[in-house]
Amino acid sequence: DITATLSDRLIDLGVRSKKYVLYIGTLEPRKNIVGLVRAYKCLSEKIRAEYSLVLAGGKGWNDEDTQATIQEAEDAGLQVIRTGYVSQFEKIALYRHAACFVLPSHYEGFGMPIFEAMQQNIPVAVTDIPVFHEVAGDAAIYFKQTDPTDITKILTKLLADDALRQTLIQKGQERLTGFS
């Protein structure tokens, strides 16, 4: 059973919570993980109790501040899970079980993880930068990259609003038809 295998793989990665916010990518400064972790810390206790933050990806360059910020959150008892590098199979497992996917980058060349999340019917929240508008169009919800409180506001809205999540999933499926 592929679903059981995917679930077992998540446990092997340290993902034990049933609900989580997902980031996939290298842990490096341009990815704005510091802003994402700070935003997660600002979510209400109720939301943080229900959703963990999963950071999947390998160690990047100049990541000392990023690692320190993650460690502070972990030391404070927050459910921040670092999986390290993940295989394609593990990526699929992570996407399929995520409540939403977040890509808070300061800049990107393209943003392939947006399409990967859409392929797995996961709602997407991304930085309000031109390349992400080109990729996601109206199939994502956008936040200001330099403002963790805006990321917090958008995540709160996305996690609380089932209709919004379903709309973004539907628009994501429509968006995918325009790309090969």
Protein backbone atom coordinates (compact mmCIF):
# COMPACT_ATOMS: atom_id res chain seq x y z
CA ASP A 1 0.00 0.00 0.00
CA ILE A 2 1.63 3.21 -1.23
CA THR A 3 -0.18 5.40 1.34
CA ALA A 4 1.15 3.32 4.24
CA THR A 5 4.65 3.43 2.75
CA LEU A 6 4.45 7.23 2.38
CA SER A 7 3.26 7.59 5.99
CA ASP A 8 6.06 5.33 7.25
CA ARG A 9 8.59 7.44 5.35
CA LEU A 10 7.27 10.61 7.03
CA ILE A 11 7.80 9.04 10.46
CA ASP A 12 11.34 8.11 9.42
CA LEU A 13 11.92 11.80 8.56
CA GLY A 14 10.73 12.86 12.03
CA VAL A 15 7.31 14.08 10.89
CA ARG A 16 4.93 12.67 13.46
CA SER A 17 2.22 15.31 13.52
CA LYS A 18 -0.77 14.77 11.29
CA LYS A 19 -0.97 18.44 10.27
CA TYR A 20 1.90 20.60 9.15
CA VAL A 21 2.99 23.61 7.14
CA LEU A 22 5.64 22.57 4.61
CA TYR A 23 8.70 24.25 3.16
CA ILE A 24 10.92 22.36 0.72
CA GLY A 25 14.21 23.79 -0.46
CA THR A 26 17.77 24.47 0.56
CA LEU A 27 18.23 26.18 3.92
CA GLU A 28 20.03 29.34 2.86
CA PRO A 29 19.54 33.10 3.36
CA ARG A 30 17.78 33.86 0.04
CA LYS A 31 15.06 31.35 0.95
CA ASN A 32 14.00 33.49 3.96
CA ILE A 33 13.64 30.59 6.39
CA VAL A 34 14.37 33.02 9.22
CA GLY A 35 11.24 34.99 8.28
CA LEU A 36 9.17 31.80 8.01
CA VAL A 37 10.28 30.51 11.43
CA ARG A 38 9.62 33.92 13.01
CA ALA A 39 6.16 33.92 11.40
CA TYR A 40 5.48 30.42 12.72
CA LYS A 41 6.49 31.57 16.22
CA CYS A 42 3.90 34.36 15.95
CA LEU A 43 1.02 32.04 15.06
CA SER A 44 -1.53 31.60 17.82
CA GLU A 45 -0.82 28.86 20.36
CA LYS A 46 -3.91 27.05 19.11
CA ILE A 47 -2.61 26.91 15.54
CA ARG A 48 0.93 25.96 16.62
CA ALA A 49 -0.52 23.16 18.76
CA GLU A 50 -2.39 21.84 15.73
CA TYR A 51 0.25 22.40 13.02
CA SER A 52 3.98 21.81 13.05
CA LEU A 53 6.41 23.49 10.66
CA VAL A 54 8.35 21.07 8.49
CA LEU A 55 11.53 22.35 6.85
CA ALA A 56 12.70 19.85 4.26
CA GLY A 57 15.95 20.41 2.46
CA GLY A 58 19.66 20.26 2.63
CA LYS A 59 22.07 22.58 4.36
CA GLY A 60 22.89 25.63 2.28
CA TRP A 61 25.61 28.24 2.22
CA ASN A 62 25.93 30.91 4.89
CA ASP A 63 23.14 29.31 6.94
CA GLU A 64 24.37 30.15 10.46
CA ASP A 65 21.55 32.66 11.16
CA THR A 66 18.99 30.29 9.68
CA GLN A 67 20.16 27.35 11.80
CA ALA A 68 20.34 29.54 14.93
CA THR A 69 16.77 30.81 14.39
CA ILE A 70 15.50 27.24 13.91
CA GLN A 71 17.36 26.08 17.01
CA GLU A 72 15.87 28.92 19.08
CA ALA A 73 12.38 27.87 18.00
CA GLU A 74 13.09 24.22 18.83
CA ASP A 75 14.57 25.22 22.21
CA ALA A 76 11.39 27.21 22.90
CA GLY A 77 9.39 24.00 22.44
CA LEU A 78 7.93 24.85 19.04
CA GLN A 79 7.18 22.01 16.64
CA VAL A 80 9.79 22.84 14.00
CA ILE A 81 10.99 19.72 12.21
CA ARG A 82 14.14 19.62 10.08
CA THR A 83 14.20 16.63 7.78
CA GLY A 84 17.46 17.35 5.96
CA TYR A 85 17.78 16.47 2.30
CA VAL A 86 14.81 14.48 0.96
CA SER A 87 14.50 12.11 -2.00
CA GLN A 88 11.86 12.52 -4.69
CA PHE A 89 9.75 9.81 -3.01
CA GLU A 90 10.04 11.58 0.35
CA LYS A 91 9.10 14.88 -1.28
CA ILE A 92 5.90 13.35 -2.61
CA ALA A 93 5.08 11.97 0.84
CA LEU A 94 5.66 15.39 2.41
CA TYR A 95 3.54 17.22 -0.16
CA ARG A 96 0.67 14.73 0.00
CA HIS A 97 0.25 15.11 3.74
CA ALA A 98 0.89 18.86 4.10
CA ALA A 99 -1.85 21.32 5.07
CA CYS A 100 -0.16 23.92 2.88
CA PHE A 101 3.13 24.68 1.17
CA VAL A 102 5.03 27.91 1.86
CA LEU A 103 7.85 29.38 -0.23
CA PRO A 104 9.06 32.61 1.46
CA SER A 105 12.05 33.30 -0.81
CA HIS A 106 13.56 36.75 -1.23
CA TYR A 107 14.29 35.83 -4.84
CA GLU A 108 14.09 32.74 -7.05
CA GLY A 109 15.00 31.72 -10.55
CA PHE A 110 11.68 29.95 -11.14
CA GLY A 111 9.99 28.17 -8.22
CA MET A 112 9.48 24.55 -9.29
CA PRO A 113 8.29 23.51 -5.78
CA ILE A 114 5.16 25.59 -6.40
CA PHE A 115 4.20 23.28 -9.27
CA GLU A 116 5.16 20.21 -7.25
CA ALA A 117 2.80 21.29 -4.46
CA MET A 118 0.01 22.04 -6.94
CA GLN A 119 0.46 18.58 -8.50
CA GLN A 120 -0.21 17.05 -5.07
CA ASN A 121 -3.31 19.24 -4.46
CA ILE A 122 -1.69 21.35 -1.76
CA PRO A 123 -2.61 25.04 -1.34
CA VAL A 124 0.34 27.38 -1.82
CA ALA A 125 1.45 30.56 -0.01
CA VAL A 126 4.41 32.42 -1.50
CA THR A 127 6.36 35.64 -1.39
CA ASP A 128 4.92 38.50 -3.41
CA ILE A 129 7.70 38.61 -6.00
CA PRO A 130 7.34 38.80 -9.81
CA VAL A 131 8.64 35.30 -10.61
CA PHE A 132 6.08 33.70 -8.28
CA HIS A 133 3.27 35.65 -9.95
CA GLU A 134 4.51 34.29 -13.29
CA VAL A 135 4.52 30.73 -11.94
CA ALA A 136 1.47 30.68 -9.66
CA GLY A 137 -0.76 33.43 -11.01
CA ASP A 138 -3.99 33.49 -8.99
CA ALA A 139 -3.43 29.94 -7.73
CA ALA A 140 -1.47 31.07 -4.66
CA ILE A 141 -1.88 33.46 -1.78
CA TYR A 142 0.89 36.05 -1.47
CA PHE A 143 2.68 37.72 1.45
CA LYS A 144 5.31 40.43 1.90
CA GLN A 145 8.77 38.86 1.98
CA THR A 146 10.30 41.20 4.56
CA ASP A 147 7.41 41.11 7.03
CA PRO A 148 7.07 37.98 9.22
CA THR A 149 3.80 39.38 10.62
CA ASP A 150 2.34 39.37 7.11
CA ILE A 151 3.46 35.75 6.66
CA THR A 152 1.77 34.96 10.00
CA LYS A 153 -1.43 36.70 8.88
CA ILE A 154 -1.52 34.82 5.56
CA LEU A 155 -0.77 31.44 7.18
CA THR A 156 -3.49 32.03 9.78
CA LYS A 157 -5.97 32.87 7.04
CA LEU A 158 -4.97 29.90 4.90
CA LEU A 159 -5.08 27.37 7.74
CA ALA A 160 -8.44 28.63 9.04
CA ASP A 161 -10.30 28.96 5.74
CA ASP A 162 -11.26 25.63 4.13
CA ALA A 163 -12.98 27.36 1.22
CA LEU A 164 -9.83 29.37 0.46
CA ARG A 165 -7.69 26.21 0.54
CA GLN A 166 -10.10 24.42 -1.82
CA THR A 167 -10.17 27.42 -4.18
CA LEU A 168 -6.36 27.54 -4.30
CA ILE A 169 -6.17 23.79 -4.91
CA GLN A 170 -8.66 24.09 -7.79
CA LYS A 171 -6.87 27.09 -9.27
CA GLY A 172 -3.58 25.20 -8.91
CA GLN A 173 -4.95 22.33 -10.98
CA GLU A 174 -6.12 24.80 -13.62
CA ARG A 175 -2.75 26.57 -13.56
CA LEU A 176 -0.89 23.32 -14.17
CA THR A 177 -2.68 22.82 -17.50
CA GLY A 178 -0.78 25.81 -18.91
CA PHE A 179 2.62 24.21 -18.35
CA SER A 180 4.27 21.03 -19.62
